[in-house]
Amino acid sequence: MDFKKSKAPKNTITRDINQMTEKVGNVYETVAIISKRANQISNAMKRELDAKLADFGNPQDSLDDSFENREQIEISRQYERLPKATLMATQEFVDNQLIYRTGSKDDALK
């Protein structure tokens, strides 16, 4: 997943909750859908960051540590500049890019 191409704002913006709940019909289910997607995004970002930083995992102490630390810091800063996972998930929900299933009682009866 390429997080750098996300259209999500980097700052928090005010959203109309009534407009967001029209799709699902319930505020709590809407929040649950967005939060689950935010957790998925957050875990994917963490795995990607850990994989990039694993390249620098050198058990030897040397004089080049300061140079390696700069590279590690730059990679970390790139991820810090990205929008937060909750903002990405909310943007995906608003843009109808999320696929979700609700487990309502009516669905079980059909």
C-alpha atoms as a PDB file:
ATOM      1  CA  MET A   1       0.000   0.000   0.000  1.00  0.00           C
ATOM      2  CA  ASP A   2       1.369   3.383  -0.936  1.00  0.00           C
ATOM      3  CA  PHE A   3       0.545   5.724   1.917  1.00  0.00           C
ATOM      4  CA  LYS A   4       2.277   8.663   0.277  1.00  0.00           C
ATOM      5  CA  LYS A   5      -0.438   8.887  -2.385  1.00  0.00           C
ATOM      6  CA  SER A   6      -3.235   9.250   0.162  1.00  0.00           C
ATOM      7  CA  LYS A   7      -5.605  12.155  -0.405  1.00  0.00           C
ATOM      8  CA  ALA A   8      -6.264  12.456   3.317  1.00  0.00           C
ATOM      9  CA  PRO A   9      -5.637  15.848   4.906  1.00  0.00           C
ATOM     10  CA  LYS A  10      -2.646  16.085   7.212  1.00  0.00           C
ATOM     11  CA  ASN A  11      -4.619  18.139   9.718  1.00  0.00           C
ATOM     12  CA  THR A  12      -7.894  17.319  11.384  1.00  0.00           C
ATOM     13  CA  ILE A  13     -10.931  18.784   9.658  1.00  0.00           C
ATOM     14  CA  THR A  14     -14.531  19.023  10.790  1.00  0.00           C
ATOM     15  CA  ARG A  15     -16.872  16.533   9.167  1.00  0.00           C
ATOM     16  CA  ASP A  16     -20.663  16.340   9.152  1.00  0.00           C
ATOM     17  CA  ILE A  17     -21.425  13.188  11.114  1.00  0.00           C
ATOM     18  CA  ASN A  18     -24.996  13.016   9.764  1.00  0.00           C
ATOM     19  CA  GLN A  19     -23.694  12.884   6.212  1.00  0.00           C
ATOM     20  CA  MET A  20     -21.177  10.184   7.121  1.00  0.00           C
ATOM     21  CA  THR A  21     -23.778   7.979   8.835  1.00  0.00           C
ATOM     22  CA  GLU A  22     -26.191   8.004   5.864  1.00  0.00           C
ATOM     23  CA  LYS A  23     -24.414   5.022   4.294  1.00  0.00           C
ATOM     24  CA  VAL A  24     -24.529   2.795   7.358  1.00  0.00           C
ATOM     25  CA  GLY A  25     -27.418   4.310   9.288  1.00  0.00           C
ATOM     26  CA  ASN A  26     -25.760   4.187  12.688  1.00  0.00           C
ATOM     27  CA  VAL A  27     -23.113   6.428  14.220  1.00  0.00           C
ATOM     28  CA  TYR A  28     -21.556   3.611  16.225  1.00  0.00           C
ATOM     29  CA  GLU A  29     -21.234   1.272  13.268  1.00  0.00           C
ATOM     30  CA  THR A  30     -19.711   4.072  11.203  1.00  0.00           C
ATOM     31  CA  VAL A  31     -17.121   4.730  13.892  1.00  0.00           C
ATOM     32  CA  ALA A  32     -16.427   0.998  14.243  1.00  0.00           C
ATOM     33  CA  ILE A  33     -15.861   0.628  10.480  1.00  0.00           C
ATOM     34  CA  ILE A  34     -13.507   3.606  10.366  1.00  0.00           C
ATOM     35  CA  SER A  35     -11.618   2.501  13.478  1.00  0.00           C
ATOM     36  CA  LYS A  36     -11.081  -1.035  12.165  1.00  0.00           C
ATOM     37  CA  ARG A  37      -9.730   0.338   8.894  1.00  0.00           C
ATOM     38  CA  ALA A  38      -7.510   2.777  10.812  1.00  0.00           C
ATOM     39  CA  ASN A  39      -6.062  -0.163  12.754  1.00  0.00           C
ATOM     40  CA  GLN A  40      -5.367  -2.008   9.499  1.00  0.00           C
ATOM     41  CA  ILE A  41      -3.623   1.045   8.027  1.00  0.00           C
ATOM     42  CA  SER A  42      -1.634   1.633  11.205  1.00  0.00           C
ATOM     43  CA  ASN A  43      -0.444  -1.984  11.320  1.00  0.00           C
ATOM     44  CA  ALA A  44       0.531  -1.910   7.649  1.00  0.00           C
ATOM     45  CA  MET A  45       2.472   1.327   8.145  1.00  0.00           C
ATOM     46  CA  LYS A  46       4.260  -0.135  11.171  1.00  0.00           C
ATOM     47  CA  ARG A  47       5.237  -3.299   9.286  1.00  0.00           C
ATOM     48  CA  GLU A  48       6.539  -1.231   6.365  1.00  0.00           C
ATOM     49  CA  LEU A  49       8.527   1.084   8.649  1.00  0.00           C
ATOM     50  CA  ASP A  50       9.957  -1.855  10.602  1.00  0.00           C
ATOM     51  CA  ALA A  51      11.030  -3.522   7.348  1.00  0.00           C
ATOM     52  CA  LYS A  52      12.827  -0.378   6.210  1.00  0.00           C
ATOM     53  CA  LEU A  53      14.530   0.132   9.565  1.00  0.00           C
ATOM     54  CA  ALA A  54      15.540  -3.542   9.773  1.00  0.00           C
ATOM     55  CA  ASP A  55      18.105  -2.860   7.051  1.00  0.00           C
ATOM     56  CA  PHE A  56      19.962  -0.684   9.543  1.00  0.00           C
ATOM     57  CA  GLY A  57      20.008  -3.350  12.263  1.00  0.00           C
ATOM     58  CA  ASN A  58      23.771  -3.795  12.552  1.00  0.00           C
ATOM     59  CA  PRO A  59      24.919  -5.332  15.844  1.00  0.00           C
ATOM     60  CA  GLN A  60      28.424  -3.875  15.457  1.00  0.00           C
ATOM     61  CA  ASP A  61      29.204  -0.526  16.990  1.00  0.00           C
ATOM     62  CA  SER A  62      31.258   1.633  14.695  1.00  0.00           C
ATOM     63  CA  LEU A  63      32.003   5.224  13.868  1.00  0.00           C
ATOM     64  CA  ASP A  64      29.445   5.171  11.060  1.00  0.00           C
ATOM     65  CA  ASP A  65      26.560   5.067  13.546  1.00  0.00           C
ATOM     66  CA  SER A  66      25.999   8.796  13.243  1.00  0.00           C
ATOM     67  CA  PHE A  67      25.631   8.500   9.453  1.00  0.00           C
ATOM     68  CA  GLU A  68      23.250   5.542   9.773  1.00  0.00           C
ATOM     69  CA  ASN A  69      21.275   7.389  12.398  1.00  0.00           C
ATOM     70  CA  ARG A  70      20.703  10.251   9.956  1.00  0.00           C
ATOM     71  CA  GLU A  71      19.268   7.832   7.417  1.00  0.00           C
ATOM     72  CA  GLN A  72      17.067   6.212  10.041  1.00  0.00           C
ATOM     73  CA  ILE A  73      15.903   9.612  11.220  1.00  0.00           C
ATOM     74  CA  GLU A  74      15.051  10.658   7.670  1.00  0.00           C
ATOM     75  CA  ILE A  75      12.975   7.504   7.110  1.00  0.00           C
ATOM     76  CA  SER A  76      11.170   8.071  10.406  1.00  0.00           C
ATOM     77  CA  ARG A  77      10.467  11.692   9.499  1.00  0.00           C
ATOM     78  CA  GLN A  78       8.924  10.630   6.196  1.00  0.00           C
ATOM     79  CA  TYR A  79       6.418   8.501   8.088  1.00  0.00           C
ATOM     80  CA  GLU A  80       5.769  11.260  10.614  1.00  0.00           C
ATOM     81  CA  ARG A  81       4.825  13.629   7.778  1.00  0.00           C
ATOM     82  CA  LEU A  82       2.148  11.254   6.508  1.00  0.00           C
ATOM     83  CA  PRO A  83      -1.464  11.757   7.587  1.00  0.00           C
ATOM     84  CA  LYS A  84      -2.548   9.775  10.610  1.00  0.00           C
ATOM     85  CA  ALA A  85      -4.195   6.408  10.054  1.00  0.00           C
ATOM     86  CA  THR A  86      -7.565   7.651  11.348  1.00  0.00           C
ATOM     87  CA  LEU A  87      -7.561  10.501   8.845  1.00  0.00           C
ATOM     88  CA  MET A  88      -6.703   8.098   6.009  1.00  0.00           C
ATOM     89  CA  ALA A  89      -9.474   5.707   7.041  1.00  0.00           C
ATOM     90  CA  THR A  90     -12.010   8.509   7.326  1.00  0.00           C
ATOM     91  CA  GLN A  91     -11.079   9.814   3.885  1.00  0.00           C
ATOM     92  CA  GLU A  92     -11.441   6.329   2.406  1.00  0.00           C
ATOM     93  CA  PHE A  93     -14.870   6.021   4.018  1.00  0.00           C
ATOM     94  CA  VAL A  94     -16.006   9.402   2.689  1.00  0.00           C
ATOM     95  CA  ASP A  95     -14.700   8.577  -0.803  1.00  0.00           C
ATOM     96  CA  ASN A  96     -16.563   5.207  -0.803  1.00  0.00           C
ATOM     97  CA  GLN A  97     -13.323   3.244  -1.092  1.00  0.00           C
ATOM     98  CA  LEU A  98     -14.067   0.925   1.836  1.00  0.00           C
ATOM     99  CA  ILE A  99     -15.787  -2.414   1.478  1.00  0.00           C
ATOM    100  CA  TYR A 100     -17.445  -3.539   4.677  1.00  0.00           C
ATOM    101  CA  ARG A 101     -20.092  -5.945   5.892  1.00  0.00           C
ATOM    102  CA  THR A 102     -22.442  -5.340   8.757  1.00  0.00           C
ATOM    103  CA  GLY A 103     -23.632  -8.252  10.816  1.00  0.00           C
ATOM    104  CA  SER A 104     -27.157  -7.088  11.540  1.00  0.00           C
ATOM    105  CA  LYS A 105     -29.920  -9.396  12.725  1.00  0.00           C
ATOM    106  CA  ASP A 106     -31.931  -8.787   9.566  1.00  0.00           C
ATOM    107  CA  ASP A 107     -29.114 -10.219   7.443  1.00  0.00           C
ATOM    108  CA  ALA A 108     -29.053 -13.395   9.514  1.00  0.00           C
ATOM    109  CA  LEU A 109     -32.767 -14.015   8.949  1.00  0.00           C
ATOM    110  CA  LYS A 110     -32.547 -13.864   5.154  1.00  0.00           C
END
